Amino acid sequence: MELTDPVKAILRQKSSDIWSVAPDASVFDAIEMMSEKQVGALLVISNGKLVGAISERDYARKVMLQGKSSKQTAVSEIMASPVISVRPDATVEECMRTMTDNRIRHLPVVDGDTVLGIVSIGDLVKWIISAHEQTIRDLHSYITGRYPG
């Protein structure tokens, strides 16, 4: 596990479920689905095409703080569009940079028009921590003479 590993390696370890909502769904329905699925964001898909993303942060800033009704507001009114995404060969480091630069916490992985999955900042941090733990184990083995080779 390295920062130079492709993001598709993270997707292989995750569930293949992709949670999405239609642009004409109510924000209430989207938030309800996020709660049900225990996720912080949903992709917005129309006619099989990725057209946006909606997060809990979008709800808080664009509905709740604006005094709008989540049942009367369509997802299309508050979704992020166009969607910032990466290709499956993007490195973990590139994904971290993209998320940091764009101040987002969820990043769809797309190959052409096909959504392969979505990674969260938590997924990337978990990958990086695992990489560091492996490095520590390797160094410990080397120092104590148990390193193979």
C-alpha atoms as a PDB file:
ATOM      1  CA  MET A   1       0.000   0.000   0.000  1.00  0.00           C
ATOM      2  CA  GLU A   2       1.544   3.216  -1.204  1.00  0.00           C
ATOM      3  CA  LEU A   3       0.528   6.794  -2.007  1.00  0.00           C
ATOM      4  CA  THR A   4       1.354   5.932  -5.604  1.00  0.00           C
ATOM      5  CA  ASP A   5      -1.167   3.074  -5.716  1.00  0.00           C
ATOM      6  CA  PRO A   6      -4.110   3.592  -8.066  1.00  0.00           C
ATOM      7  CA  VAL A   7      -7.478   4.434  -6.524  1.00  0.00           C
ATOM      8  CA  LYS A   8      -8.943   1.326  -8.183  1.00  0.00           C
ATOM      9  CA  ALA A   9      -7.027  -0.672  -5.539  1.00  0.00           C
ATOM     10  CA  ILE A  10      -9.116   1.004  -2.841  1.00  0.00           C
ATOM     11  CA  LEU A  11     -12.315   0.281  -4.768  1.00  0.00           C
ATOM     12  CA  ARG A  12     -11.414  -3.431  -4.856  1.00  0.00           C
ATOM     13  CA  GLN A  13     -11.460  -3.463  -1.042  1.00  0.00           C
ATOM     14  CA  LYS A  14     -14.765  -1.614  -0.730  1.00  0.00           C
ATOM     15  CA  SER A  15     -18.310  -2.701  -1.301  1.00  0.00           C
ATOM     16  CA  SER A  16     -19.271  -2.319  -4.956  1.00  0.00           C
ATOM     17  CA  ASP A  17     -22.525  -0.582  -4.010  1.00  0.00           C
ATOM     18  CA  ILE A  18     -23.022   2.820  -5.611  1.00  0.00           C
ATOM     19  CA  TRP A  19     -25.769   4.813  -3.957  1.00  0.00           C
ATOM     20  CA  SER A  20     -27.485   7.337  -6.178  1.00  0.00           C
ATOM     21  CA  VAL A  21     -30.544   9.509  -6.513  1.00  0.00           C
ATOM     22  CA  ALA A  22     -32.336  11.116  -9.454  1.00  0.00           C
ATOM     23  CA  PRO A  23     -32.057  14.894  -9.941  1.00  0.00           C
ATOM     24  CA  ASP A  24     -35.819  15.333  -9.509  1.00  0.00           C
ATOM     25  CA  ALA A  25     -35.891  13.530  -6.145  1.00  0.00           C
ATOM     26  CA  SER A  26     -36.508  15.663  -3.088  1.00  0.00           C
ATOM     27  CA  VAL A  27     -33.594  16.614  -0.883  1.00  0.00           C
ATOM     28  CA  PHE A  28     -35.506  14.971   1.979  1.00  0.00           C
ATOM     29  CA  ASP A  29     -35.463  11.636   0.118  1.00  0.00           C
ATOM     30  CA  ALA A  30     -31.739  12.018  -0.576  1.00  0.00           C
ATOM     31  CA  ILE A  31     -30.945  12.767   3.073  1.00  0.00           C
ATOM     32  CA  GLU A  32     -33.121   9.868   4.147  1.00  0.00           C
ATOM     33  CA  MET A  33     -31.177   7.526   1.822  1.00  0.00           C
ATOM     34  CA  MET A  34     -27.844   8.830   3.129  1.00  0.00           C
ATOM     35  CA  SER A  35     -28.995   8.070   6.663  1.00  0.00           C
ATOM     36  CA  GLU A  36     -30.258   4.621   5.662  1.00  0.00           C
ATOM     37  CA  LYS A  37     -27.049   3.684   3.857  1.00  0.00           C
ATOM     38  CA  GLN A  38     -24.818   5.443   6.406  1.00  0.00           C
ATOM     39  CA  VAL A  39     -23.038   7.533   3.779  1.00  0.00           C
ATOM     40  CA  GLY A  40     -22.291  11.250   3.579  1.00  0.00           C
ATOM     41  CA  ALA A  41     -22.971  11.742  -0.119  1.00  0.00           C
ATOM     42  CA  LEU A  42     -24.900  10.358  -3.065  1.00  0.00           C
ATOM     43  CA  LEU A  43     -24.244  10.497  -6.753  1.00  0.00           C
ATOM     44  CA  VAL A  44     -26.943  12.082  -8.892  1.00  0.00           C
ATOM     45  CA  ILE A  45     -27.623   9.961 -11.949  1.00  0.00           C
ATOM     46  CA  SER A  46     -29.999  10.738 -14.800  1.00  0.00           C
ATOM     47  CA  ASN A  47     -30.589   8.325 -17.684  1.00  0.00           C
ATOM     48  CA  GLY A  48     -27.563   6.314 -16.600  1.00  0.00           C
ATOM     49  CA  LYS A  49     -25.266   9.343 -16.653  1.00  0.00           C
ATOM     50  CA  LEU A  50     -23.522  11.005 -13.715  1.00  0.00           C
ATOM     51  CA  VAL A  51     -24.868  14.561 -13.577  1.00  0.00           C
ATOM     52  CA  GLY A  52     -24.089  15.654 -10.036  1.00  0.00           C
ATOM     53  CA  ALA A  53     -23.413  14.817  -6.418  1.00  0.00           C
ATOM     54  CA  ILE A  54     -25.188  15.783  -3.221  1.00  0.00           C
ATOM     55  CA  SER A  55     -23.723  15.698   0.272  1.00  0.00           C
ATOM     56  CA  GLU A  56     -24.841  16.375   3.807  1.00  0.00           C
ATOM     57  CA  ARG A  57     -22.816  19.566   3.566  1.00  0.00           C
ATOM     58  CA  ASP A  58     -24.894  20.685   0.539  1.00  0.00           C
ATOM     59  CA  TYR A  59     -28.052  20.094   2.548  1.00  0.00           C
ATOM     60  CA  ALA A  60     -26.796  22.035   5.552  1.00  0.00           C
ATOM     61  CA  ARG A  61     -25.580  25.019   3.538  1.00  0.00           C
ATOM     62  CA  LYS A  62     -28.095  25.207   0.701  1.00  0.00           C
ATOM     63  CA  VAL A  63     -31.314  24.069   2.347  1.00  0.00           C
ATOM     64  CA  MET A  64     -31.250  24.211   6.125  1.00  0.00           C
ATOM     65  CA  LEU A  65     -29.340  27.488   6.490  1.00  0.00           C
ATOM     66  CA  GLN A  66     -31.371  29.078   3.687  1.00  0.00           C
ATOM     67  CA  GLY A  67     -34.653  28.211   5.419  1.00  0.00           C
ATOM     68  CA  LYS A  68     -35.827  26.010   2.530  1.00  0.00           C
ATOM     69  CA  SER A  69     -37.937  22.896   2.866  1.00  0.00           C
ATOM     70  CA  SER A  70     -36.089  19.654   2.156  1.00  0.00           C
ATOM     71  CA  LYS A  71     -39.353  18.076   0.989  1.00  0.00           C
ATOM     72  CA  GLN A  72     -40.026  20.917  -1.462  1.00  0.00           C
ATOM     73  CA  THR A  73     -36.469  21.291  -2.800  1.00  0.00           C
ATOM     74  CA  ALA A  74     -35.255  19.088  -5.659  1.00  0.00           C
ATOM     75  CA  VAL A  75     -31.812  17.558  -5.560  1.00  0.00           C
ATOM     76  CA  SER A  76     -31.037  19.298  -8.880  1.00  0.00           C
ATOM     77  CA  GLU A  77     -31.367  22.683  -7.148  1.00  0.00           C
ATOM     78  CA  ILE A  78     -28.506  22.068  -4.726  1.00  0.00           C
ATOM     79  CA  MET A  79     -26.333  19.335  -6.235  1.00  0.00           C
ATOM     80  CA  ALA A  80     -22.714  19.940  -7.159  1.00  0.00           C
ATOM     81  CA  SER A  81     -22.413  19.929 -10.929  1.00  0.00           C
ATOM     82  CA  PRO A  82     -20.306  19.300 -12.893  1.00  0.00           C
ATOM     83  CA  VAL A  83     -18.939  16.548 -10.698  1.00  0.00           C
ATOM     84  CA  ILE A  84     -15.267  16.481  -9.819  1.00  0.00           C
ATOM     85  CA  SER A  85     -14.117  12.928 -10.435  1.00  0.00           C
ATOM     86  CA  VAL A  86     -11.002  10.868 -11.103  1.00  0.00           C
ATOM     87  CA  ARG A  87     -10.080   7.995 -13.366  1.00  0.00           C
ATOM     88  CA  PRO A  88      -9.360   4.573 -11.838  1.00  0.00           C
ATOM     89  CA  ASP A  89      -5.615   4.941 -12.479  1.00  0.00           C
ATOM     90  CA  ALA A  90      -5.363   8.163 -10.428  1.00  0.00           C
ATOM     91  CA  THR A  91      -3.042   7.668  -7.473  1.00  0.00           C
ATOM     92  CA  VAL A  92      -4.103   7.898  -3.850  1.00  0.00           C
ATOM     93  CA  GLU A  93      -1.927  11.007  -3.606  1.00  0.00           C
ATOM     94  CA  GLU A  94      -3.658  12.613  -6.613  1.00  0.00           C
ATOM     95  CA  CYS A  95      -7.044  11.877  -5.067  1.00  0.00           C
ATOM     96  CA  MET A  96      -5.987  13.478  -1.778  1.00  0.00           C
ATOM     97  CA  ARG A  97      -4.762  16.556  -3.643  1.00  0.00           C
ATOM     98  CA  THR A  98      -7.975  16.787  -5.677  1.00  0.00           C
ATOM     99  CA  MET A  99     -10.111  16.539  -2.551  1.00  0.00           C
ATOM    100  CA  THR A 100      -8.019  19.077  -0.663  1.00  0.00           C
ATOM    101  CA  ASP A 101      -7.846  21.572  -3.528  1.00  0.00           C
ATOM    102  CA  ASN A 102     -11.605  21.367  -4.150  1.00  0.00           C
ATOM    103  CA  ARG A 103     -12.644  21.058  -0.501  1.00  0.00           C
ATOM    104  CA  ILE A 104     -14.666  17.912  -1.090  1.00  0.00           C
ATOM    105  CA  ARG A 105     -14.943  14.733   0.953  1.00  0.00           C
ATOM    106  CA  HIS A 106     -16.263  12.324  -1.679  1.00  0.00           C
ATOM    107  CA  LEU A 107     -14.747  11.577  -5.064  1.00  0.00           C
ATOM    108  CA  PRO A 108     -16.400   9.485  -7.784  1.00  0.00           C
ATOM    109  CA  VAL A 109     -14.132   7.171  -9.754  1.00  0.00           C
ATOM    110  CA  VAL A 110     -15.210   7.194 -13.385  1.00  0.00           C
ATOM    111  CA  ASP A 111     -13.977   5.352 -16.458  1.00  0.00           C
ATOM    112  CA  GLY A 112     -15.421   7.105 -19.505  1.00  0.00           C
ATOM    113  CA  ASP A 113     -19.145   7.361 -18.753  1.00  0.00           C
ATOM    114  CA  THR A 114     -19.114   4.452 -16.290  1.00  0.00           C
ATOM    115  CA  VAL A 115     -19.108   5.147 -12.555  1.00  0.00           C
ATOM    116  CA  LEU A 116     -16.924   2.518 -10.903  1.00  0.00           C
ATOM    117  CA  GLY A 117     -17.379   3.711  -7.346  1.00  0.00           C
ATOM    118  CA  ILE A 118     -16.811   6.541  -4.941  1.00  0.00           C
ATOM    119  CA  VAL A 119     -14.053   7.076  -2.399  1.00  0.00           C
ATOM    120  CA  SER A 120     -14.294   9.212   0.688  1.00  0.00           C
ATOM    121  CA  ILE A 121     -11.578  11.089   2.484  1.00  0.00           C
ATOM    122  CA  GLY A 122     -11.892   8.387   5.158  1.00  0.00           C
ATOM    123  CA  ASP A 123     -11.126   5.663   2.605  1.00  0.00           C
ATOM    124  CA  LEU A 124      -7.961   7.483   1.554  1.00  0.00           C
ATOM    125  CA  VAL A 125      -6.835   8.139   5.123  1.00  0.00           C
ATOM    126  CA  LYS A 126      -7.412   4.478   6.009  1.00  0.00           C
ATOM    127  CA  TRP A 127      -5.281   3.437   2.991  1.00  0.00           C
ATOM    128  CA  ILE A 128      -2.475   5.813   3.989  1.00  0.00           C
ATOM    129  CA  ILE A 129      -2.517   4.631   7.610  1.00  0.00           C
ATOM    130  CA  SER A 130      -2.314   1.011   6.439  1.00  0.00           C
ATOM    131  CA  ALA A 131       0.641   1.924   4.198  1.00  0.00           C
ATOM    132  CA  HIS A 132       2.425   3.562   7.123  1.00  0.00           C
ATOM    133  CA  GLU A 133       1.713   0.607   9.396  1.00  0.00           C
ATOM    134  CA  GLN A 134       3.216  -1.753   6.788  1.00  0.00           C
ATOM    135  CA  THR A 135       6.324   0.441   6.513  1.00  0.00           C
ATOM    136  CA  ILE A 136       6.709   0.387  10.296  1.00  0.00           C
ATOM    137  CA  ARG A 137       6.367  -3.421  10.356  1.00  0.00           C
ATOM    138  CA  ASP A 138       8.959  -3.749   7.572  1.00  0.00           C
ATOM    139  CA  LEU A 139      11.398  -1.412   9.328  1.00  0.00           C
ATOM    140  CA  HIS A 140      10.902  -3.234  12.619  1.00  0.00           C
ATOM    141  CA  SER A 141      11.603  -6.564  10.921  1.00  0.00           C
ATOM    142  CA  TYR A 142      14.702  -5.130   9.277  1.00  0.00           C
ATOM    143  CA  ILE A 143      16.046  -3.670  12.510  1.00  0.00           C
ATOM    144  CA  THR A 144      15.447  -6.883  14.454  1.00  0.00           C
ATOM    145  CA  GLY A 145      16.988  -9.032  11.720  1.00  0.00           C
ATOM    146  CA  ARG A 146      13.816 -10.765  10.605  1.00  0.00           C
ATOM    147  CA  TYR A 147      13.586  -8.936   7.291  1.00  0.00           C
ATOM    148  CA  PRO A 148      13.573 -11.440   4.397  1.00  0.00           C
ATOM    149  CA  GLY A 149      16.383 -10.882   1.910  1.00  0.00           C
END
